[in-house]
């Protein structure tokens, strides 16, 4: 990885580097995945709450959880 100034030369070093990279990616994804799930779940909760309160139309899906209903509904009508 990188620009090649520091690279493994031996076969064992290359194997270690591959395992090290994939292990690091697995650990990174292990931390990022729960954060992403939390953000997505929270956005779904906000959309469902707004839909149940009648703030938004059933036909409109707001993935971001931020809603300017007057602008959207005026554009659709």
C-alpha atoms as a PDB file:
ATOM      1  CA  UNK A   1       0.000   0.000   0.000  1.00  0.00           C
ATOM      2  CA  UNK A   2       1.140   3.521  -0.535  1.00  0.00           C
ATOM      3  CA  UNK A   3       3.579   4.805  -3.097  1.00  0.00           C
ATOM      4  CA  UNK A   4       5.982   1.868  -2.940  1.00  0.00           C
ATOM      5  CA  UNK A   5       8.769   3.404  -0.862  1.00  0.00           C
ATOM      6  CA  UNK A   6       7.952   0.968   1.945  1.00  0.00           C
ATOM      7  CA  UNK A   7       6.713  -2.382   0.663  1.00  0.00           C
ATOM      8  CA  UNK A   8       7.131  -5.971   1.800  1.00  0.00           C
ATOM      9  CA  UNK A   9       9.794  -7.822  -0.178  1.00  0.00           C
ATOM     10  CA  UNK A  10       9.480 -11.394   1.079  1.00  0.00           C
ATOM     11  CA  UNK A  11       6.563 -13.756   0.476  1.00  0.00           C
ATOM     12  CA  UNK A  12       5.951 -13.992   4.221  1.00  0.00           C
ATOM     13  CA  UNK A  13       5.902 -10.196   4.484  1.00  0.00           C
ATOM     14  CA  UNK A  14       3.420  -9.941   1.625  1.00  0.00           C
ATOM     15  CA  UNK A  15       1.125 -12.547   3.209  1.00  0.00           C
ATOM     16  CA  UNK A  16       1.328 -10.776   6.570  1.00  0.00           C
ATOM     17  CA  UNK A  17       0.482  -7.458   4.913  1.00  0.00           C
ATOM     18  CA  UNK A  18      -2.584  -8.920   3.194  1.00  0.00           C
ATOM     19  CA  UNK A  19      -3.834 -10.436   6.454  1.00  0.00           C
ATOM     20  CA  UNK A  20      -3.094  -7.177   8.290  1.00  0.00           C
ATOM     21  CA  UNK A  21      -5.048  -5.104   5.743  1.00  0.00           C
ATOM     22  CA  UNK A  22      -8.099  -7.395   5.729  1.00  0.00           C
ATOM     23  CA  UNK A  23      -8.093  -7.621   9.527  1.00  0.00           C
ATOM     24  CA  UNK A  24      -7.953  -3.837   9.767  1.00  0.00           C
ATOM     25  CA  UNK A  25     -10.823  -3.472   7.295  1.00  0.00           C
ATOM     26  CA  UNK A  26     -12.884  -5.979   9.279  1.00  0.00           C
ATOM     27  CA  UNK A  27     -12.292  -4.089  12.517  1.00  0.00           C
ATOM     28  CA  UNK A  28     -13.122  -0.764  10.846  1.00  0.00           C
ATOM     29  CA  UNK A  29     -16.362  -2.141   9.395  1.00  0.00           C
ATOM     30  CA  UNK A  30     -17.204  -3.621  12.791  1.00  0.00           C
ATOM     31  CA  UNK A  31     -17.221  -0.092  14.228  1.00  0.00           C
ATOM     32  CA  UNK A  32     -18.797   1.709  11.265  1.00  0.00           C
ATOM     33  CA  UNK A  33     -21.677  -0.733  10.700  1.00  0.00           C
ATOM     34  CA  UNK A  34     -23.477  -0.141  14.045  1.00  0.00           C
ATOM     35  CA  UNK A  35     -23.161   3.607  13.605  1.00  0.00           C
ATOM     36  CA  UNK A  36     -24.708   3.413  10.135  1.00  0.00           C
ATOM     37  CA  UNK A  37     -27.504   1.159  11.379  1.00  0.00           C
ATOM     38  CA  UNK A  38     -28.281   3.615  14.181  1.00  0.00           C
ATOM     39  CA  UNK A  39     -28.436   6.575  11.784  1.00  0.00           C
ATOM     40  CA  UNK A  40     -30.674   4.736   9.315  1.00  0.00           C
ATOM     41  CA  UNK A  41     -32.986   3.425  12.060  1.00  0.00           C
ATOM     42  CA  UNK A  42     -33.307   6.918  13.518  1.00  0.00           C
ATOM     43  CA  UNK A  43     -34.229   8.365  10.122  1.00  0.00           C
ATOM     44  CA  UNK A  44     -36.869   5.677   9.596  1.00  0.00           C
ATOM     45  CA  UNK A  45     -38.326   6.455  13.042  1.00  0.00           C
ATOM     46  CA  UNK A  46     -38.583  10.162  12.218  1.00  0.00           C
ATOM     47  CA  UNK A  47     -40.254   9.455   8.872  1.00  0.00           C
ATOM     48  CA  UNK A  48     -42.726   7.018  10.450  1.00  0.00           C
ATOM     49  CA  UNK A  49     -43.523   9.494  13.216  1.00  0.00           C
ATOM     50  CA  UNK A  50     -44.156  12.277  10.709  1.00  0.00           C
ATOM     51  CA  UNK A  51     -46.267   9.977   8.549  1.00  0.00           C
ATOM     52  CA  UNK A  52     -48.365   8.883  11.556  1.00  0.00           C
ATOM     53  CA  UNK A  53     -48.881  12.498  12.626  1.00  0.00           C
ATOM     54  CA  UNK A  54     -50.054  13.395   9.119  1.00  0.00           C
ATOM     55  CA  UNK A  55     -47.167  15.748   8.421  1.00  0.00           C
ATOM     56  CA  UNK A  56     -46.232  13.970   5.208  1.00  0.00           C
ATOM     57  CA  UNK A  57     -48.033  12.118   2.458  1.00  0.00           C
ATOM     58  CA  UNK A  58     -48.006   8.323   2.264  1.00  0.00           C
ATOM     59  CA  UNK A  59     -46.571   8.604  -1.254  1.00  0.00           C
ATOM     60  CA  UNK A  60     -43.494  10.597  -0.229  1.00  0.00           C
ATOM     61  CA  UNK A  61     -40.475   8.928   1.336  1.00  0.00           C
ATOM     62  CA  UNK A  62     -38.039  11.192   3.135  1.00  0.00           C
ATOM     63  CA  UNK A  63     -34.845   9.247   3.740  1.00  0.00           C
ATOM     64  CA  UNK A  64     -33.016  12.075   5.487  1.00  0.00           C
ATOM     65  CA  UNK A  65     -35.515  12.651   8.284  1.00  0.00           C
ATOM     66  CA  UNK A  66     -35.638  16.360   7.513  1.00  0.00           C
ATOM     67  CA  UNK A  67     -38.861  17.589   6.046  1.00  0.00           C
ATOM     68  CA  UNK A  68     -40.107  20.781   4.538  1.00  0.00           C
ATOM     69  CA  UNK A  69     -43.603  19.546   3.801  1.00  0.00           C
ATOM     70  CA  UNK A  70     -44.973  22.819   2.470  1.00  0.00           C
ATOM     71  CA  UNK A  71     -42.338  23.044  -0.287  1.00  0.00           C
ATOM     72  CA  UNK A  72     -42.602  19.370  -1.245  1.00  0.00           C
ATOM     73  CA  UNK A  73     -46.401  19.231  -1.230  1.00  0.00           C
ATOM     74  CA  UNK A  74     -46.676  22.482  -3.193  1.00  0.00           C
ATOM     75  CA  UNK A  75     -44.319  21.049  -5.794  1.00  0.00           C
ATOM     76  CA  UNK A  76     -46.350  17.844  -6.104  1.00  0.00           C
ATOM     77  CA  UNK A  77     -49.802  19.493  -6.233  1.00  0.00           C
END
